[in-house]
Amino acid sequence: VVQLTGPDRLRMRVWERGTGITLASGSSSCA
């Protein structure tokens, strides 16, 4: 789930398959 907070700034929270909620995710950030 992603929220646009600036012209080139995104706030993201992530649920990773097979794991659950994580504090960060690199591949998710790329996606």
PDB file of all heavy atoms in Angstrom:
ATOM      1  N   VAL A   1       0.878  -1.169   0.000  1.00  0.00           N
ATOM      2  CA  VAL A   1       0.000   0.000   0.000  1.00  0.00           C
ATOM      3  C   VAL A   1       0.915   1.219   0.000  1.00  0.00           C
ATOM      4  O   VAL A   1       1.878   1.290   0.757  1.00  0.00           O
ATOM      5  CB  VAL A   1      -0.965   0.017   1.194  1.00  0.00           C
ATOM      6  CG1 VAL A   1      -1.998  -1.084   1.051  1.00  0.00           C
ATOM      7  CG2 VAL A   1      -0.234  -0.115   2.523  1.00  0.00           C
ATOM      8  N   VAL A   2       0.635   2.170  -0.898  1.00  0.00           N
ATOM      9  CA  VAL A   2       1.553   3.268  -1.172  1.00  0.00           C
ATOM     10  C   VAL A   2       0.804   4.594  -1.178  1.00  0.00           C
ATOM     11  O   VAL A   2      -0.298   4.689  -1.737  1.00  0.00           O
ATOM     12  CB  VAL A   2       2.268   3.076  -2.533  1.00  0.00           C
ATOM     13  CG1 VAL A   2       3.347   4.129  -2.722  1.00  0.00           C
ATOM     14  CG2 VAL A   2       2.848   1.684  -2.647  1.00  0.00           C
ATOM     15  N   GLN A   3       1.429   5.588  -0.591  1.00  0.00           N
ATOM     16  CA  GLN A   3       0.865   6.935  -0.532  1.00  0.00           C
ATOM     17  C   GLN A   3       1.874   7.921  -1.118  1.00  0.00           C
ATOM     18  O   GLN A   3       3.051   7.908  -0.748  1.00  0.00           O
ATOM     19  CB  GLN A   3       0.573   7.285   0.931  1.00  0.00           C
ATOM     20  CG  GLN A   3       0.051   8.668   1.194  1.00  0.00           C
ATOM     21  CD  GLN A   3      -0.143   8.892   2.699  1.00  0.00           C
ATOM     22  OE1 GLN A   3      -0.126   7.950   3.502  1.00  0.00           O
ATOM     23  NE2 GLN A   3      -0.322  10.144   3.091  1.00  0.00           N
ATOM     24  N   LEU A   4       1.423   8.737  -2.053  1.00  0.00           N
ATOM     25  CA  LEU A   4       2.283   9.773  -2.628  1.00  0.00           C
ATOM     26  C   LEU A   4       2.385  10.916  -1.618  1.00  0.00           C
ATOM     27  O   LEU A   4       1.391  11.530  -1.262  1.00  0.00           O
ATOM     28  CB  LEU A   4       1.698  10.272  -3.943  1.00  0.00           C
ATOM     29  CG  LEU A   4       2.497  11.343  -4.694  1.00  0.00           C
ATOM     30  CD1 LEU A   4       3.816  10.766  -5.192  1.00  0.00           C
ATOM     31  CD2 LEU A   4       1.678  11.881  -5.866  1.00  0.00           C
ATOM     32  N   THR A   5       3.607  11.203  -1.149  1.00  0.00           N
ATOM     33  CA  THR A   5       3.794  12.250  -0.142  1.00  0.00           C
ATOM     34  C   THR A   5       4.616  13.432  -0.652  1.00  0.00           C
ATOM     35  O   THR A   5       4.820  14.395   0.076  1.00  0.00           O
ATOM     36  CB  THR A   5       4.482  11.679   1.114  1.00  0.00           C
ATOM     37  OG1 THR A   5       5.745  11.108   0.752  1.00  0.00           O
ATOM     38  CG2 THR A   5       3.608  10.605   1.759  1.00  0.00           C
ATOM     39  N   GLY A   6       5.091  13.359  -1.887  1.00  0.00           N
ATOM     40  CA  GLY A   6       5.866  14.441  -2.493  1.00  0.00           C
ATOM     41  C   GLY A   6       6.048  14.156  -3.961  1.00  0.00           C
ATOM     42  O   GLY A   6       5.671  13.077  -4.449  1.00  0.00           O
ATOM     43  N   PRO A   7       6.626  15.082  -4.712  1.00  0.00           N
ATOM     44  CA  PRO A   7       6.773  14.895  -6.159  1.00  0.00           C
ATOM     45  C   PRO A   7       7.491  13.599  -6.534  1.00  0.00           C
ATOM     46  O   PRO A   7       7.132  12.953  -7.520  1.00  0.00           O
ATOM     47  CB  PRO A   7       7.579  16.123  -6.591  1.00  0.00           C
ATOM     48  CG  PRO A   7       7.294  17.153  -5.539  1.00  0.00           C
ATOM     49  CD  PRO A   7       7.149  16.391  -4.256  1.00  0.00           C
ATOM     50  N   ASP A   8       8.481  13.207  -5.753  1.00  0.00           N
ATOM     51  CA  ASP A   8       9.213  11.968  -6.002  1.00  0.00           C
ATOM     52  C   ASP A   8       9.483  11.262  -4.681  1.00  0.00           C
ATOM     53  O   ASP A   8      10.593  10.784  -4.420  1.00  0.00           O
ATOM     54  CB  ASP A   8      10.523  12.248  -6.752  1.00  0.00           C
ATOM     55  CG  ASP A   8      10.269  12.685  -8.182  1.00  0.00           C
ATOM     56  OD1 ASP A   8       9.775  11.860  -8.968  1.00  0.00           O
ATOM     57  OD2 ASP A   8      10.520  13.860  -8.495  1.00  0.00           O
ATOM     58  N   ARG A   9       8.430  11.188  -3.868  1.00  0.00           N
ATOM     59  CA  ARG A   9       8.546  10.587  -2.539  1.00  0.00           C
ATOM     60  C   ARG A   9       7.302   9.754  -2.257  1.00  0.00           C
ATOM     61  O   ARG A   9       6.175  10.232  -2.388  1.00  0.00           O
ATOM     62  CB  ARG A   9       8.711  11.684  -1.488  1.00  0.00           C
ATOM     63  CG  ARG A   9       9.182  11.200  -0.131  1.00  0.00           C
ATOM     64  CD  ARG A   9       9.542  12.397   0.749  1.00  0.00           C
ATOM     65  NE  ARG A   9      10.010  11.969   2.060  1.00  0.00           N
ATOM     66  CZ  ARG A   9      11.268  11.673   2.337  1.00  0.00           C
ATOM     67  NH1 ARG A   9      12.189  11.739   1.382  1.00  0.00           N
ATOM     68  NH2 ARG A   9      11.626  11.302   3.559  1.00  0.00           N
ATOM     69  N   LEU A  10       7.531   8.499  -1.883  1.00  0.00           N
ATOM     70  CA  LEU A  10       6.449   7.553  -1.648  1.00  0.00           C
ATOM     71  C   LEU A  10       6.554   6.978  -0.240  1.00  0.00           C
ATOM     72  O   LEU A  10       7.641   6.643   0.230  1.00  0.00           O
ATOM     73  CB  LEU A  10       6.515   6.398  -2.654  1.00  0.00           C
ATOM     74  CG  LEU A  10       6.429   6.766  -4.135  1.00  0.00           C
ATOM     75  CD1 LEU A  10       6.760   5.549  -4.990  1.00  0.00           C
ATOM     76  CD2 LEU A  10       5.039   7.292  -4.473  1.00  0.00           C
ATOM     77  N   ARG A  11       5.420   6.860   0.421  1.00  0.00           N
ATOM     78  CA  ARG A  11       5.344   6.183   1.725  1.00  0.00           C
ATOM     79  C   ARG A  11       4.724   4.814   1.480  1.00  0.00           C
ATOM     80  O   ARG A  11       3.624   4.707   0.916  1.00  0.00           O
ATOM     81  CB  ARG A  11       4.494   7.003   2.693  1.00  0.00           C
ATOM     82  CG  ARG A  11       4.194   6.305   4.030  1.00  0.00           C
ATOM     83  CD  ARG A  11       5.436   6.253   4.921  1.00  0.00           C
ATOM     84  NE  ARG A  11       5.082   5.713   6.230  1.00  0.00           N
ATOM     85  CZ  ARG A  11       5.287   4.450   6.617  1.00  0.00           C
ATOM     86  NH1 ARG A  11       5.830   3.582   5.765  1.00  0.00           N
ATOM     87  NH2 ARG A  11       4.950   4.053   7.827  1.00  0.00           N
ATOM     88  N   MET A  12       5.423   3.759   1.891  1.00  0.00           N
ATOM     89  CA  MET A  12       4.971   2.407   1.583  1.00  0.00           C
ATOM     90  C   MET A  12       4.945   1.533   2.823  1.00  0.00           C
ATOM     91  O   MET A  12       5.825   1.608   3.676  1.00  0.00           O
ATOM     92  CB  MET A  12       5.892   1.750   0.555  1.00  0.00           C
ATOM     93  CG  MET A  12       5.487   0.323   0.171  1.00  0.00           C
ATOM     94  SD  MET A  12       6.676  -0.496  -0.925  1.00  0.00           S
ATOM     95  CE  MET A  12       7.873  -1.105   0.256  1.00  0.00           C
ATOM     96  N   ARG A  13       3.927   0.683   2.903  1.00  0.00           N
ATOM     97  CA  ARG A  13       3.895  -0.427   3.853  1.00  0.00           C
ATOM     98  C   ARG A  13       3.719  -1.706   3.041  1.00  0.00           C
ATOM     99  O   ARG A  13       3.128  -1.700   1.965  1.00  0.00           O
ATOM    100  CB  ARG A  13       2.764  -0.264   4.865  1.00  0.00           C
ATOM    101  CG  ARG A  13       2.910   0.967   5.739  1.00  0.00           C
ATOM    102  CD  ARG A  13       1.757   1.086   6.718  1.00  0.00           C
ATOM    103  NE  ARG A  13       1.752  -0.020   7.651  1.00  0.00           N
ATOM    104  CZ  ARG A  13       0.646  -0.590   8.147  1.00  0.00           C
ATOM    105  NH1 ARG A  13      -0.550  -0.170   7.744  1.00  0.00           N
ATOM    106  NH2 ARG A  13       0.738  -1.584   9.011  1.00  0.00           N
ATOM    107  N   VAL A  14       4.260  -2.814   3.578  1.00  0.00           N
ATOM    108  CA  VAL A  14       4.339  -4.014   2.741  1.00  0.00           C
ATOM    109  C   VAL A  14       3.982  -5.272   3.518  1.00  0.00           C
ATOM    110  O   VAL A  14       4.327  -5.429   4.698  1.00  0.00           O
ATOM    111  CB  VAL A  14       5.748  -4.144   2.112  1.00  0.00           C
ATOM    112  CG1 VAL A  14       6.828  -4.207   3.176  1.00  0.00           C
ATOM    113  CG2 VAL A  14       5.836  -5.357   1.198  1.00  0.00           C
ATOM    114  N   TRP A  15       3.278  -6.151   2.809  1.00  0.00           N
ATOM    115  CA  TRP A  15       3.029  -7.527   3.236  1.00  0.00           C
ATOM    116  C   TRP A  15       3.788  -8.420   2.264  1.00  0.00           C
ATOM    117  O   TRP A  15       3.539  -8.393   1.061  1.00  0.00           O
ATOM    118  CB  TRP A  15       1.533  -7.847   3.188  1.00  0.00           C
ATOM    119  CG  TRP A  15       1.212  -9.277   3.476  1.00  0.00           C
ATOM    120  CD1 TRP A  15       1.248 -10.327   2.589  1.00  0.00           C
ATOM    121  CD2 TRP A  15       0.813  -9.838   4.731  1.00  0.00           C
ATOM    122  NE1 TRP A  15       0.892 -11.501   3.212  1.00  0.00           N
ATOM    123  CE2 TRP A  15       0.619 -11.228   4.534  1.00  0.00           C
ATOM    124  CE3 TRP A  15       0.590  -9.296   5.999  1.00  0.00           C
ATOM    125  CZ2 TRP A  15       0.223 -12.075   5.564  1.00  0.00           C
ATOM    126  CZ3 TRP A  15       0.192 -10.158   7.026  1.00  0.00           C
ATOM    127  CH2 TRP A  15       0.017 -11.512   6.802  1.00  0.00           C
ATOM    128  N   GLU A  16       4.729  -9.222   2.781  1.00  0.00           N
ATOM    129  CA  GLU A  16       5.524 -10.089   1.918  1.00  0.00           C
ATOM    130  C   GLU A  16       4.951 -11.505   1.927  1.00  0.00           C
ATOM    131  O   GLU A  16       4.658 -12.064   2.986  1.00  0.00           O
ATOM    132  CB  GLU A  16       6.979 -10.107   2.376  1.00  0.00           C
ATOM    133  CG  GLU A  16       7.690  -8.774   2.181  1.00  0.00           C
ATOM    134  CD  GLU A  16       9.191  -8.906   2.277  1.00  0.00           C
ATOM    135  OE1 GLU A  16       9.788  -9.469   1.331  1.00  0.00           O
ATOM    136  OE2 GLU A  16       9.767  -8.450   3.279  1.00  0.00           O
ATOM    137  N   ARG A  17       4.826 -12.072   0.739  1.00  0.00           N
ATOM    138  CA  ARG A  17       4.295 -13.429   0.629  1.00  0.00           C
ATOM    139  C   ARG A  17       5.204 -14.392   1.387  1.00  0.00           C
ATOM    140  O   ARG A  17       6.437 -14.299   1.341  1.00  0.00           O
ATOM    141  CB  ARG A  17       4.168 -13.859  -0.836  1.00  0.00           C
ATOM    142  CG  ARG A  17       5.478 -13.976  -1.558  1.00  0.00           C
ATOM    143  CD  ARG A  17       5.341 -14.587  -2.953  1.00  0.00           C
ATOM    144  NE  ARG A  17       6.659 -14.671  -3.566  1.00  0.00           N
ATOM    145  CZ  ARG A  17       6.924 -15.321  -4.689  1.00  0.00           C
ATOM    146  NH1 ARG A  17       5.955 -15.935  -5.336  1.00  0.00           N
ATOM    147  NH2 ARG A  17       8.152 -15.348  -5.188  1.00  0.00           N
ATOM    148  N   GLY A  18       4.596 -15.301   2.109  1.00  0.00           N
ATOM    149  CA  GLY A  18       5.358 -16.297   2.845  1.00  0.00           C
ATOM    150  C   GLY A  18       5.988 -15.779   4.111  1.00  0.00           C
ATOM    151  O   GLY A  18       6.661 -16.543   4.815  1.00  0.00           O
ATOM    152  N   THR A  19       5.798 -14.494   4.431  1.00  0.00           N
ATOM    153  CA  THR A  19       6.422 -13.925   5.627  1.00  0.00           C
ATOM    154  C   THR A  19       5.430 -13.096   6.437  1.00  0.00           C
ATOM    155  O   THR A  19       5.251 -13.294   7.628  1.00  0.00           O
ATOM    156  CB  THR A  19       7.642 -13.062   5.250  1.00  0.00           C
ATOM    157  OG1 THR A  19       8.634 -13.900   4.648  1.00  0.00           O
ATOM    158  CG2 THR A  19       8.244 -12.392   6.482  1.00  0.00           C
ATOM    159  N   GLY A  20       4.780 -12.115   5.793  1.00  0.00           N
ATOM    160  CA  GLY A  20       3.857 -11.236   6.495  1.00  0.00           C
ATOM    161  C   GLY A  20       4.313  -9.793   6.444  1.00  0.00           C
ATOM    162  O   GLY A  20       5.055  -9.388   5.542  1.00  0.00           O
ATOM    163  N   ILE A  21       3.893  -8.998   7.417  1.00  0.00           N
ATOM    164  CA  ILE A  21       4.273  -7.584   7.466  1.00  0.00           C
ATOM    165  C   ILE A  21       5.758  -7.474   7.795  1.00  0.00           C
ATOM    166  O   ILE A  21       6.247  -8.110   8.728  1.00  0.00           O
ATOM    167  CB  ILE A  21       3.443  -6.832   8.524  1.00  0.00           C
ATOM    168  CG1 ILE A  21       1.958  -6.833   8.150  1.00  0.00           C
ATOM    169  CG2 ILE A  21       3.937  -5.396   8.674  1.00  0.00           C
ATOM    170  CD1 ILE A  21       1.049  -6.260   9.220  1.00  0.00           C
ATOM    171  N   THR A  22       6.478  -6.677   7.024  1.00  0.00           N
ATOM    172  CA  THR A  22       7.893  -6.436   7.286  1.00  0.00           C
ATOM    173  C   THR A  22       8.159  -4.937   7.350  1.00  0.00           C
ATOM    174  O   THR A  22       7.393  -4.138   6.819  1.00  0.00           O
ATOM    175  CB  THR A  22       8.786  -7.072   6.200  1.00  0.00           C
ATOM    176  OG1 THR A  22       8.435  -6.540   4.916  1.00  0.00           O
ATOM    177  CG2 THR A  22       8.612  -8.582   6.170  1.00  0.00           C
ATOM    178  N   LEU A  23       9.260  -4.581   8.013  1.00  0.00           N
ATOM    179  CA  LEU A  23       9.603  -3.170   8.164  1.00  0.00           C
ATOM    180  C   LEU A  23      10.086  -2.552   6.865  1.00  0.00           C
ATOM    181  O   LEU A  23      10.037  -1.331   6.698  1.00  0.00           O
ATOM    182  CB  LEU A  23      10.681  -2.997   9.245  1.00  0.00           C
ATOM    183  CG  LEU A  23      10.269  -3.339  10.668  1.00  0.00           C
ATOM    184  CD1 LEU A  23      11.462  -3.167  11.623  1.00  0.00           C
ATOM    185  CD2 LEU A  23       9.106  -2.477  11.121  1.00  0.00           C
ATOM    186  N   ALA A  24      10.550  -3.379   5.951  1.00  0.00           N
ATOM    187  CA  ALA A  24      11.041  -2.888   4.659  1.00  0.00           C
ATOM    188  C   ALA A  24      11.091  -4.055   3.689  1.00  0.00           C
ATOM    189  O   ALA A  24      11.095  -5.220   4.095  1.00  0.00           O
ATOM    190  CB  ALA A  24      12.427  -2.249   4.798  1.00  0.00           C
ATOM    191  N   SER A  25      11.149  -3.739   2.401  1.00  0.00           N
ATOM    192  CA  SER A  25      11.316  -4.752   1.356  1.00  0.00           C
ATOM    193  C   SER A  25      11.956  -4.080   0.157  1.00  0.00           C
ATOM    194  O   SER A  25      11.406  -3.112  -0.374  1.00  0.00           O
ATOM    195  CB  SER A  25       9.967  -5.363   0.967  1.00  0.00           C
ATOM    196  OG  SER A  25      10.101  -6.152  -0.201  1.00  0.00           O
ATOM    197  N   GLY A  26      13.100  -4.610  -0.259  1.00  0.00           N
ATOM    198  CA  GLY A  26      13.808  -4.016  -1.380  1.00  0.00           C
ATOM    199  C   GLY A  26      13.109  -4.236  -2.709  1.00  0.00           C
ATOM    200  O   GLY A  26      12.917  -3.299  -3.482  1.00  0.00           O
ATOM    201  N   SER A  27      12.723  -5.484  -2.993  1.00  0.00           N
ATOM    202  CA  SER A  27      12.058  -5.742  -4.268  1.00  0.00           C
ATOM    203  C   SER A  27      10.716  -5.029  -4.328  1.00  0.00           C
ATOM    204  O   SER A  27      10.306  -4.547  -5.392  1.00  0.00           O
ATOM    205  CB  SER A  27      11.889  -7.247  -4.497  1.00  0.00           C
ATOM    206  OG  SER A  27      11.058  -7.824  -3.511  1.00  0.00           O
ATOM    207  N   SER A  28      10.013  -4.926  -3.193  1.00  0.00           N
ATOM    208  CA  SER A  28       8.746  -4.187  -3.160  1.00  0.00           C
ATOM    209  C   SER A  28       8.974  -2.706  -3.417  1.00  0.00           C
ATOM    210  O   SER A  28       8.166  -2.049  -4.100  1.00  0.00           O
ATOM    211  CB  SER A  28       8.056  -4.379  -1.812  1.00  0.00           C
ATOM    212  OG  SER A  28       7.571  -5.684  -1.654  1.00  0.00           O
ATOM    213  N   SER A  29      10.052  -2.155  -2.887  1.00  0.00           N
ATOM    214  CA  SER A  29      10.368  -0.748  -3.131  1.00  0.00           C
ATOM    215  C   SER A  29      10.616  -0.498  -4.611  1.00  0.00           C
ATOM    216  O   SER A  29      10.163   0.505  -5.180  1.00  0.00           O
ATOM    217  CB  SER A  29      11.591  -0.329  -2.307  1.00  0.00           C
ATOM    218  OG  SER A  29      11.333  -0.430  -0.925  1.00  0.00           O
ATOM    219  N   CYS A  30      11.322  -1.438  -5.250  1.00  0.00           N
ATOM    220  CA  CYS A  30      11.540  -1.323  -6.694  1.00  0.00           C
ATOM    221  C   CYS A  30      10.219  -1.399  -7.443  1.00  0.00           C
ATOM    222  O   CYS A  30       9.965  -0.624  -8.376  1.00  0.00           O
ATOM    223  CB  CYS A  30      12.476  -2.429  -7.168  1.00  0.00           C
ATOM    224  SG  CYS A  30      14.163  -2.315  -6.525  1.00  0.00           S
ATOM    225  N   ALA A  31       9.357  -2.321  -7.031  1.00  0.00           N
ATOM    226  CA  ALA A  31       8.075  -2.503  -7.719  1.00  0.00           C
ATOM    227  C   ALA A  31       7.192  -1.268  -7.602  1.00  0.00           C
ATOM    228  O   ALA A  31       6.568  -0.846  -8.582  1.00  0.00           O
ATOM    229  CB  ALA A  31       7.355  -3.721  -7.150  1.00  0.00           C
TER     230      ALA A  31
END
